[in-house]
Amino acid sequence: MRGAEKKVIHLKNTGSSLFSEAYFIVNEGRDNSRAQIKDMLSEADRIIDESISRDSTDKGEKRRKLLRFLLPFLLGVVLTLSAAILISLLF
């Protein structure tokens, strides 16, 4: 993008066990004074929290989809085996 300028804040050694570095691209028109660092950090926390909760929700949905498929399949296998054993015992 030619002629575009973005303000980027780069944090090293975040002290987090998850992140060693963080990059923030600041919206245009925002005053980047020291007083707003607290606001930026709380916004970063919010974004991370939403991301973590969305990931855990996605994993839960995958498990539910698997169970919706797996339970009827296993029931069919059990019923088929039961019918086969019953038929073999009768004849």
PDB file of N, CA and C in Angstrom:
ATOM      1  N   MET A   1       0.853  -1.152   0.000  1.00  0.00           N
ATOM      2  CA  MET A   1       0.000   0.000   0.000  1.00  0.00           C
ATOM      3  C   MET A   1       0.910   1.230   0.000  1.00  0.00           C
ATOM      4  N   ARG A   2       0.834   1.960  -1.015  1.00  0.00           N
ATOM      5  CA  ARG A   2       1.728   3.101  -1.174  1.00  0.00           C
ATOM      6  C   ARG A   2       1.191   4.326  -0.448  1.00  0.00           C
ATOM      7  N   GLY A   3       2.050   4.980   0.309  1.00  0.00           N
ATOM      8  CA  GLY A   3       1.677   6.208   0.986  1.00  0.00           C
ATOM      9  C   GLY A   3       0.888   6.004   2.266  1.00  0.00           C
ATOM     10  N   ALA A   4       0.673   4.766   2.669  1.00  0.00           N
ATOM     11  CA  ALA A   4      -0.083   4.524   3.894  1.00  0.00           C
ATOM     12  C   ALA A   4       0.871   4.480   5.080  1.00  0.00           C
ATOM     13  N   GLU A   5       0.445   5.092   6.156  1.00  0.00           N
ATOM     14  CA  GLU A   5       1.268   5.095   7.359  1.00  0.00           C
ATOM     15  C   GLU A   5       0.415   4.580   8.511  1.00  0.00           C
ATOM     16  N   LYS A   6       0.939   3.587   9.198  1.00  0.00           N
ATOM     17  CA  LYS A   6       0.249   3.025  10.349  1.00  0.00           C
ATOM     18  C   LYS A   6       1.127   3.197  11.572  1.00  0.00           C
ATOM     19  N   LYS A   7       0.512   3.476  12.674  1.00  0.00           N
ATOM     20  CA  LYS A   7       1.245   3.538  13.933  1.00  0.00           C
ATOM     21  C   LYS A   7       1.189   2.162  14.567  1.00  0.00           C
ATOM     22  N   VAL A   8       2.362   1.598  14.836  1.00  0.00           N
ATOM     23  CA  VAL A   8       2.468   0.255  15.381  1.00  0.00           C
ATOM     24  C   VAL A   8       3.166   0.324  16.729  1.00  0.00           C
ATOM     25  N   ILE A   9       2.582  -0.334  17.705  1.00  0.00           N
ATOM     26  CA  ILE A   9       3.220  -0.466  19.012  1.00  0.00           C
ATOM     27  C   ILE A   9       3.706  -1.899  19.122  1.00  0.00           C
ATOM     28  N   HIS A  10       4.986  -2.073  19.392  1.00  0.00           N
ATOM     29  CA  HIS A  10       5.591  -3.392  19.495  1.00  0.00           C
ATOM     30  C   HIS A  10       6.071  -3.591  20.926  1.00  0.00           C
ATOM     31  N   LEU A  11       5.557  -4.625  21.582  1.00  0.00           N
ATOM     32  CA  LEU A  11       5.965  -4.925  22.947  1.00  0.00           C
ATOM     33  C   LEU A  11       6.803  -6.193  22.954  1.00  0.00           C
ATOM     34  N   LYS A  12       7.986  -6.109  23.545  1.00  0.00           N
ATOM     35  CA  LYS A  12       8.838  -7.293  23.712  1.00  0.00           C
ATOM     36  C   LYS A  12       8.818  -7.681  25.180  1.00  0.00           C
ATOM     37  N   ASN A  13       9.112  -8.938  25.432  1.00  0.00           N
ATOM     38  CA  ASN A  13       9.168  -9.441  26.809  1.00  0.00           C
ATOM     39  C   ASN A  13       7.905  -9.047  27.580  1.00  0.00           C
ATOM     40  N   THR A  14       6.786  -9.575  27.147  1.00  0.00           N
ATOM     41  CA  THR A  14       5.504  -9.187  27.723  1.00  0.00           C
ATOM     42  C   THR A  14       5.295  -9.727  29.127  1.00  0.00           C
ATOM     43  N   GLY A  15       6.096 -10.706  29.530  1.00  0.00           N
ATOM     44  CA  GLY A  15       5.908 -11.309  30.844  1.00  0.00           C
ATOM     45  C   GLY A  15       4.813 -12.357  30.843  1.00  0.00           C
ATOM     46  N   SER A  16       4.245 -12.619  29.703  1.00  0.00           N
ATOM     47  CA  SER A  16       3.182 -13.607  29.571  1.00  0.00           C
ATOM     48  C   SER A  16       3.779 -14.968  29.274  1.00  0.00           C
ATOM     49  N   SER A  17       3.128 -16.013  29.781  1.00  0.00           N
ATOM     50  CA  SER A  17       3.575 -17.370  29.449  1.00  0.00           C
ATOM     51  C   SER A  17       3.113 -17.766  28.050  1.00  0.00           C
ATOM     52  N   LEU A  18       2.175 -17.011  27.465  1.00  0.00           N
ATOM     53  CA  LEU A  18       1.652 -17.316  26.138  1.00  0.00           C
ATOM     54  C   LEU A  18       2.309 -16.510  25.031  1.00  0.00           C
ATOM     55  N   PHE A  19       2.656 -15.257  25.310  1.00  0.00           N
ATOM     56  CA  PHE A  19       3.155 -14.366  24.275  1.00  0.00           C
ATOM     57  C   PHE A  19       4.507 -13.800  24.667  1.00  0.00           C
ATOM     58  N   SER A  20       5.469 -13.883  23.758  1.00  0.00           N
ATOM     59  CA  SER A  20       6.763 -13.251  24.022  1.00  0.00           C
ATOM     60  C   SER A  20       6.796 -11.837  23.453  1.00  0.00           C
ATOM     61  N   GLU A  21       6.032 -11.609  22.385  1.00  0.00           N
ATOM     62  CA  GLU A  21       5.958 -10.289  21.769  1.00  0.00           C
ATOM     63  C   GLU A  21       4.522 -10.010  21.359  1.00  0.00           C
ATOM     64  N   ALA A  22       4.186  -8.729  21.270  1.00  0.00           N
ATOM     65  CA  ALA A  22       2.851  -8.339  20.822  1.00  0.00           C
ATOM     66  C   ALA A  22       2.967  -7.104  19.941  1.00  0.00           C
ATOM     67  N   TYR A  23       2.168  -7.074  18.882  1.00  0.00           N
ATOM     68  CA  TYR A  23       2.117  -5.936  17.961  1.00  0.00           C
ATOM     69  C   TYR A  23       0.705  -5.369  17.992  1.00  0.00           C
ATOM     70  N   PHE A  24       0.603  -4.061  18.106  1.00  0.00           N
ATOM     71  CA  PHE A  24      -0.681  -3.386  18.045  1.00  0.00           C
ATOM     72  C   PHE A  24      -0.623  -2.351  16.938  1.00  0.00           C
ATOM     73  N   ILE A  25      -1.594  -2.383  16.046  1.00  0.00           N
ATOM     74  CA  ILE A  25      -1.712  -1.377  14.994  1.00  0.00           C
ATOM     75  C   ILE A  25      -2.827  -0.437  15.433  1.00  0.00           C
ATOM     76  N   VAL A  26      -2.468   0.798  15.697  1.00  0.00           N
ATOM     77  CA  VAL A  26      -3.380   1.767  16.300  1.00  0.00           C
ATOM     78  C   VAL A  26      -4.239   2.405  15.214  1.00  0.00           C
ATOM     79  N   ASN A  27      -5.534   2.555  15.508  1.00  0.00           N
ATOM     80  CA  ASN A  27      -6.449   3.218  14.575  1.00  0.00           C
ATOM     81  C   ASN A  27      -6.004   4.645  14.318  1.00  0.00           C
ATOM     82  N   GLU A  28      -6.261   5.100  13.108  1.00  0.00           N
ATOM     83  CA  GLU A  28      -5.931   6.486  12.753  1.00  0.00           C
ATOM     84  C   GLU A  28      -6.783   7.440  13.565  1.00  0.00           C
ATOM     85  N   GLY A  29      -6.230   8.592  13.858  1.00  0.00           N
ATOM     86  CA  GLY A  29      -6.985   9.610  14.565  1.00  0.00           C
ATOM     87  C   GLY A  29      -6.988   9.440  16.072  1.00  0.00           C
ATOM     88  N   ARG A  30      -6.288   8.435  16.588  1.00  0.00           N
ATOM     89  CA  ARG A  30      -6.242   8.230  18.027  1.00  0.00           C
ATOM     90  C   ARG A  30      -5.033   8.952  18.613  1.00  0.00           C
ATOM     91  N   ASP A  31      -5.219   9.585  19.740  1.00  0.00           N
ATOM     92  CA  ASP A  31      -4.115  10.220  20.461  1.00  0.00           C
ATOM     93  C   ASP A  31      -3.353   9.117  21.185  1.00  0.00           C
ATOM     94  N   ASN A  32      -2.062   9.028  20.965  1.00  0.00           N
ATOM     95  CA  ASN A  32      -1.267   7.932  21.512  1.00  0.00           C
ATOM     96  C   ASN A  32      -0.494   8.355  22.759  1.00  0.00           C
ATOM     97  N   SER A  33      -1.103   9.142  23.609  1.00  0.00           N
ATOM     98  CA  SER A  33      -0.414   9.604  24.817  1.00  0.00           C
ATOM     99  C   SER A  33      -0.266   8.469  25.810  1.00  0.00           C
ATOM    100  N   ARG A  34       0.616   8.658  26.751  1.00  0.00           N
ATOM    101  CA  ARG A  34       0.881   7.654  27.789  1.00  0.00           C
ATOM    102  C   ARG A  34      -0.372   7.334  28.607  1.00  0.00           C
ATOM    103  N   ALA A  35      -1.273   8.290  28.727  1.00  0.00           N
ATOM    104  CA  ALA A  35      -2.481   8.089  29.523  1.00  0.00           C
ATOM    105  C   ALA A  35      -3.366   7.002  28.929  1.00  0.00           C
ATOM    106  N   GLN A  36      -3.243   6.748  27.634  1.00  0.00           N
ATOM    107  CA  GLN A  36      -4.110   5.757  26.990  1.00  0.00           C
ATOM    108  C   GLN A  36      -3.507   4.358  26.975  1.00  0.00           C
ATOM    109  N   ILE A  37      -2.321   4.170  27.515  1.00  0.00           N
ATOM    110  CA  ILE A  37      -1.712   2.840  27.530  1.00  0.00           C
ATOM    111  C   ILE A  37      -2.595   1.871  28.311  1.00  0.00           C
ATOM    112  N   LYS A  38      -3.182   2.332  29.426  1.00  0.00           N
ATOM    113  CA  LYS A  38      -4.074   1.471  30.200  1.00  0.00           C
ATOM    114  C   LYS A  38      -5.263   1.028  29.348  1.00  0.00           C
ATOM    115  N   ASP A  39      -5.817   1.961  28.563  1.00  0.00           N
ATOM    116  CA  ASP A  39      -6.932   1.613  27.674  1.00  0.00           C
ATOM    117  C   ASP A  39      -6.504   0.582  26.633  1.00  0.00           C
ATOM    118  N   MET A  40      -5.308   0.760  26.081  1.00  0.00           N
ATOM    119  CA  MET A  40      -4.806  -0.186  25.075  1.00  0.00           C
ATOM    120  C   MET A  40      -4.612  -1.570  25.677  1.00  0.00           C
ATOM    121  N   LEU A  41      -4.072  -1.630  26.883  1.00  0.00           N
ATOM    122  CA  LEU A  41      -3.854  -2.920  27.530  1.00  0.00           C
ATOM    123  C   LEU A  41      -5.173  -3.610  27.859  1.00  0.00           C
ATOM    124  N   SER A  42      -6.156  -2.855  28.314  1.00  0.00           N
ATOM    125  CA  SER A  42      -7.454  -3.472  28.616  1.00  0.00           C
ATOM    126  C   SER A  42      -8.133  -3.951  27.329  1.00  0.00           C
ATOM    127  N   GLU A  43      -7.961  -3.208  26.242  1.00  0.00           N
ATOM    128  CA  GLU A  43      -8.522  -3.643  24.954  1.00  0.00           C
ATOM    129  C   GLU A  43      -7.825  -4.920  24.474  1.00  0.00           C
ATOM    130  N   ALA A  44      -6.507  -4.997  24.644  1.00  0.00           N
ATOM    131  CA  ALA A  44      -5.761  -6.204  24.266  1.00  0.00           C
ATOM    132  C   ALA A  44      -6.231  -7.398  25.097  1.00  0.00           C
ATOM    133  N   ASP A  45      -6.436  -7.193  26.396  1.00  0.00           N
ATOM    134  CA  ASP A  45      -6.958  -8.262  27.254  1.00  0.00           C
ATOM    135  C   ASP A  45      -8.324  -8.732  26.783  1.00  0.00           C
ATOM    136  N   ARG A  46      -9.185  -7.788  26.401  1.00  0.00           N
ATOM    137  CA  ARG A  46     -10.527  -8.142  25.927  1.00  0.00           C
ATOM    138  C   ARG A  46     -10.453  -8.993  24.660  1.00  0.00           C
ATOM    139  N   ILE A  47      -9.584  -8.583  23.728  1.00  0.00           N
ATOM    140  CA  ILE A  47      -9.445  -9.323  22.473  1.00  0.00           C
ATOM    141  C   ILE A  47      -8.938 -10.739  22.736  1.00  0.00           C
ATOM    142  N   ILE A  48      -7.956 -10.864  23.613  1.00  0.00           N
ATOM    143  CA  ILE A  48      -7.407 -12.180  23.937  1.00  0.00           C
ATOM    144  C   ILE A  48      -8.456 -13.046  24.622  1.00  0.00           C
ATOM    145  N   ASP A  49      -9.196 -12.483  25.579  1.00  0.00           N
ATOM    146  CA  ASP A  49     -10.238 -13.247  26.270  1.00  0.00           C
ATOM    147  C   ASP A  49     -11.306 -13.744  25.303  1.00  0.00           C
ATOM    148  N   GLU A  50     -11.723 -12.885  24.377  1.00  0.00           N
ATOM    149  CA  GLU A  50     -12.721 -13.297  23.387  1.00  0.00           C
ATOM    150  C   GLU A  50     -12.183 -14.408  22.497  1.00  0.00           C
ATOM    151  N   SER A  51     -10.917 -14.308  22.122  1.00  0.00           N
ATOM    152  CA  SER A  51     -10.305 -15.323  21.271  1.00  0.00           C
ATOM    153  C   SER A  51     -10.243 -16.668  21.986  1.00  0.00           C
ATOM    154  N   ILE A  52      -9.861 -16.647  23.257  1.00  0.00           N
ATOM    155  CA  ILE A  52      -9.763 -17.889  24.022  1.00  0.00           C
ATOM    156  C   ILE A  52     -11.136 -18.512  24.195  1.00  0.00           C
ATOM    157  N   SER A  53     -12.153 -17.720  24.531  1.00  0.00           N
ATOM    158  CA  SER A  53     -13.492 -18.279  24.714  1.00  0.00           C
ATOM    159  C   SER A  53     -14.061 -18.789  23.402  1.00  0.00           C
ATOM    160  N   ARG A  54     -13.743 -18.126  22.284  1.00  0.00           N
ATOM    161  CA  ARG A  54     -14.215 -18.586  20.977  1.00  0.00           C
ATOM    162  C   ARG A  54     -13.557 -19.924  20.621  1.00  0.00           C
ATOM    163  N   ASP A  55     -12.263 -20.086  20.923  1.00  0.00           N
ATOM    164  CA  ASP A  55     -11.571 -21.344  20.650  1.00  0.00           C
ATOM    165  C   ASP A  55     -12.154 -22.483  21.460  1.00  0.00           C
ATOM    166  N   SER A  56     -12.440 -22.252  22.733  1.00  0.00           N
ATOM    167  CA  SER A  56     -12.989 -23.321  23.565  1.00  0.00           C
ATOM    168  C   SER A  56     -14.406 -23.661  23.124  1.00  0.00           C
ATOM    169  N   THR A  57     -15.177 -22.673  22.664  1.00  0.00           N
ATOM    170  CA  THR A  57     -16.523 -22.931  22.152  1.00  0.00           C
ATOM    171  C   THR A  57     -16.450 -23.765  20.877  1.00  0.00           C
ATOM    172  N   ASP A  58     -15.499 -23.473  20.000  1.00  0.00           N
ATOM    173  CA  ASP A  58     -15.341 -24.236  18.767  1.00  0.00           C
ATOM    174  C   ASP A  58     -14.998 -25.690  19.070  1.00  0.00           C
ATOM    175  N   LYS A  59     -14.139 -25.931  20.055  1.00  0.00           N
ATOM    176  CA  LYS A  59     -13.778 -27.302  20.421  1.00  0.00           C
ATOM    177  C   LYS A  59     -14.985 -28.045  20.970  1.00  0.00           C
ATOM    178  N   GLY A  60     -15.791 -27.382  21.789  1.00  0.00           N
ATOM    179  CA  GLY A  60     -16.996 -28.002  22.336  1.00  0.00           C
ATOM    180  C   GLY A  60     -17.982 -28.355  21.232  1.00  0.00           C
ATOM    181  N   GLU A  61     -18.105 -27.491  20.242  1.00  0.00           N
ATOM    182  CA  GLU A  61     -19.009 -27.760  19.116  1.00  0.00           C
ATOM    183  C   GLU A  61     -18.525 -28.957  18.312  1.00  0.00           C
ATOM    184  N   LYS A  62     -17.217 -29.086  18.126  1.00  0.00           N
ATOM    185  CA  LYS A  62     -16.672 -30.236  17.397  1.00  0.00           C
ATOM    186  C   LYS A  62     -16.973 -31.530  18.133  1.00  0.00           C
ATOM    187  N   ARG A  63     -16.856 -31.518  19.464  1.00  0.00           N
ATOM    188  CA  ARG A  63     -17.163 -32.714  20.253  1.00  0.00           C
ATOM    189  C   ARG A  63     -18.630 -33.094  20.121  1.00  0.00           C
ATOM    190  N   ARG A  64     -19.512 -32.088  20.187  1.00  0.00           N
ATOM    191  CA  ARG A  64     -20.941 -32.372  20.065  1.00  0.00           C
ATOM    192  C   ARG A  64     -21.277 -32.947  18.690  1.00  0.00           C
ATOM    193  N   LYS A  65     -20.656 -32.431  17.637  1.00  0.00           N
ATOM    194  CA  LYS A  65     -20.906 -32.962  16.294  1.00  0.00           C
ATOM    195  C   LYS A  65     -20.431 -34.409  16.193  1.00  0.00           C
ATOM    196  N   LEU A  66     -19.287 -34.702  16.789  1.00  0.00           N
ATOM    197  CA  LEU A  66     -18.759 -36.069  16.763  1.00  0.00           C
ATOM    198  C   LEU A  66     -19.696 -37.012  17.505  1.00  0.00           C
ATOM    199  N   LEU A  67     -20.187 -36.592  18.667  1.00  0.00           N
ATOM    200  CA  LEU A  67     -21.101 -37.440  19.430  1.00  0.00           C
ATOM    201  C   LEU A  67     -22.417 -37.658  18.700  1.00  0.00           C
ATOM    202  N   ARG A  68     -22.903 -36.613  18.000  1.00  0.00           N
ATOM    203  CA  ARG A  68     -24.143 -36.769  17.236  1.00  0.00           C
ATOM    204  C   ARG A  68     -23.998 -37.799  16.127  1.00  0.00           C
ATOM    205  N   PHE A  69     -22.801 -37.972  15.619  1.00  0.00           N
ATOM    206  CA  PHE A  69     -22.555 -38.992  14.605  1.00  0.00           C
ATOM    207  C   PHE A  69     -22.231 -40.334  15.244  1.00  0.00           C
ATOM    208  N   LEU A  70     -21.395 -40.311  16.271  1.00  0.00           N
ATOM    209  CA  LEU A  70     -20.851 -41.539  16.844  1.00  0.00           C
ATOM    210  C   LEU A  70     -21.895 -42.365  17.585  1.00  0.00           C
ATOM    211  N   LEU A  71     -22.772 -41.738  18.351  1.00  0.00           N
ATOM    212  CA  LEU A  71     -23.759 -42.488  19.125  1.00  0.00           C
ATOM    213  C   LEU A  71     -24.715 -43.304  18.253  1.00  0.00           C
ATOM    214  N   PRO A  72     -25.329 -42.741  17.225  1.00  0.00           N
ATOM    215  CA  PRO A  72     -26.191 -43.568  16.365  1.00  0.00           C
ATOM    216  C   PRO A  72     -25.403 -44.670  15.646  1.00  0.00           C
ATOM    217  N   PHE A  73     -24.172 -44.370  15.258  1.00  0.00           N
ATOM    218  CA  PHE A  73     -23.344 -45.378  14.592  1.00  0.00           C
ATOM    219  C   PHE A  73     -23.092 -46.564  15.517  1.00  0.00           C
ATOM    220  N   LEU A  74     -22.691 -46.282  16.757  1.00  0.00           N
ATOM    221  CA  LEU A  74     -22.420 -47.363  17.710  1.00  0.00           C
ATOM    222  C   LEU A  74     -23.695 -48.139  18.044  1.00  0.00           C
ATOM    223  N   LEU A  75     -24.807 -47.464  18.148  1.00  0.00           N
ATOM    224  CA  LEU A  75     -26.080 -48.143  18.386  1.00  0.00           C
ATOM    225  C   LEU A  75     -26.406 -49.089  17.237  1.00  0.00           C
ATOM    226  N   GLY A  76     -26.169 -48.665  16.017  1.00  0.00           N
ATOM    227  CA  GLY A  76     -26.384 -49.533  14.853  1.00  0.00           C
ATOM    228  C   GLY A  76     -25.472 -50.750  14.865  1.00  0.00           C
ATOM    229  N   VAL A  77     -24.215 -50.552  15.255  1.00  0.00           N
ATOM    230  CA  VAL A  77     -23.275 -51.677  15.333  1.00  0.00           C
ATOM    231  C   VAL A  77     -23.739 -52.683  16.384  1.00  0.00           C
ATOM    232  N   VAL A  78     -24.141 -52.202  17.552  1.00  0.00           N
ATOM    233  CA  VAL A  78     -24.594 -53.093  18.630  1.00  0.00           C
ATOM    234  C   VAL A  78     -25.843 -53.852  18.210  1.00  0.00           C
ATOM    235  N   LEU A  79     -26.806 -53.184  17.607  1.00  0.00           N
ATOM    236  CA  LEU A  79     -28.035 -53.853  17.169  1.00  0.00           C
ATOM    237  C   LEU A  79     -27.757 -54.888  16.079  1.00  0.00           C
ATOM    238  N   THR A  80     -26.871 -54.556  15.155  1.00  0.00           N
ATOM    239  CA  THR A  80     -26.519 -55.502  14.088  1.00  0.00           C
ATOM    240  C   THR A  80     -25.839 -56.738  14.650  1.00  0.00           C
ATOM    241  N   LEU A  81     -24.899 -56.540  15.556  1.00  0.00           N
ATOM    242  CA  LEU A  81     -24.222 -57.683  16.175  1.00  0.00           C
ATOM    243  C   LEU A  81     -25.192 -58.520  16.987  1.00  0.00           C
ATOM    244  N   SER A  82     -26.093 -57.862  17.688  1.00  0.00           N
ATOM    245  CA  SER A  82     -27.090 -58.604  18.475  1.00  0.00           C
ATOM    246  C   SER A  82     -27.971 -59.439  17.560  1.00  0.00           C
ATOM    247  N   ALA A  83     -28.414 -58.872  16.458  1.00  0.00           N
ATOM    248  CA  ALA A  83     -29.252 -59.618  15.514  1.00  0.00           C
ATOM    249  C   ALA A  83     -28.482 -60.780  14.906  1.00  0.00           C
ATOM    250  N   ALA A  84     -27.210 -60.564  14.573  1.00  0.00           N
ATOM    251  CA  ALA A  84     -26.404 -61.637  13.999  1.00  0.00           C
ATOM    252  C   ALA A  84     -26.198 -62.778  14.992  1.00  0.00           C
ATOM    253  N   ILE A  85     -25.955 -62.459  16.241  1.00  0.00           N
ATOM    254  CA  ILE A  85     -25.776 -63.502  17.268  1.00  0.00           C
ATOM    255  C   ILE A  85     -27.084 -64.252  17.494  1.00  0.00           C
ATOM    256  N   LEU A  86     -28.199 -63.540  17.543  1.00  0.00           N
ATOM    257  CA  LEU A  86     -29.501 -64.175  17.735  1.00  0.00           C
ATOM    258  C   LEU A  86     -29.835 -65.120  16.593  1.00  0.00           C
ATOM    259  N   ILE A  87     -29.576 -64.675  15.358  1.00  0.00           N
ATOM    260  CA  ILE A  87     -29.855 -65.524  14.190  1.00  0.00           C
ATOM    261  C   ILE A  87     -28.963 -66.749  14.204  1.00  0.00           C
ATOM    262  N   SER A  88     -27.676 -66.590  14.570  1.00  0.00           N
ATOM    263  CA  SER A  88     -26.759 -67.743  14.590  1.00  0.00           C
ATOM    264  C   SER A  88     -27.147 -68.730  15.685  1.00  0.00           C
ATOM    265  N   LEU A  89     -27.718 -68.264  16.782  1.00  0.00           N
ATOM    266  CA  LEU A  89     -28.153 -69.170  17.856  1.00  0.00           C
ATOM    267  C   LEU A  89     -29.432 -69.920  17.474  1.00  0.00           C
ATOM    268  N   LEU A  90     -30.294 -69.306  16.701  1.00  0.00           N
ATOM    269  CA  LEU A  90     -31.550 -69.941  16.310  1.00  0.00           C
ATOM    270  C   LEU A  90     -31.358 -70.977  15.208  1.00  0.00           C
ATOM    271  N   PHE A  91     -30.357 -70.797  14.380  1.00  0.00           N
ATOM    272  CA  PHE A  91     -30.178 -71.733  13.259  1.00  0.00           C
ATOM    273  C   PHE A  91     -28.944 -72.484  13.441  1.00  0.00           C
TER     274      PHE A  91
END
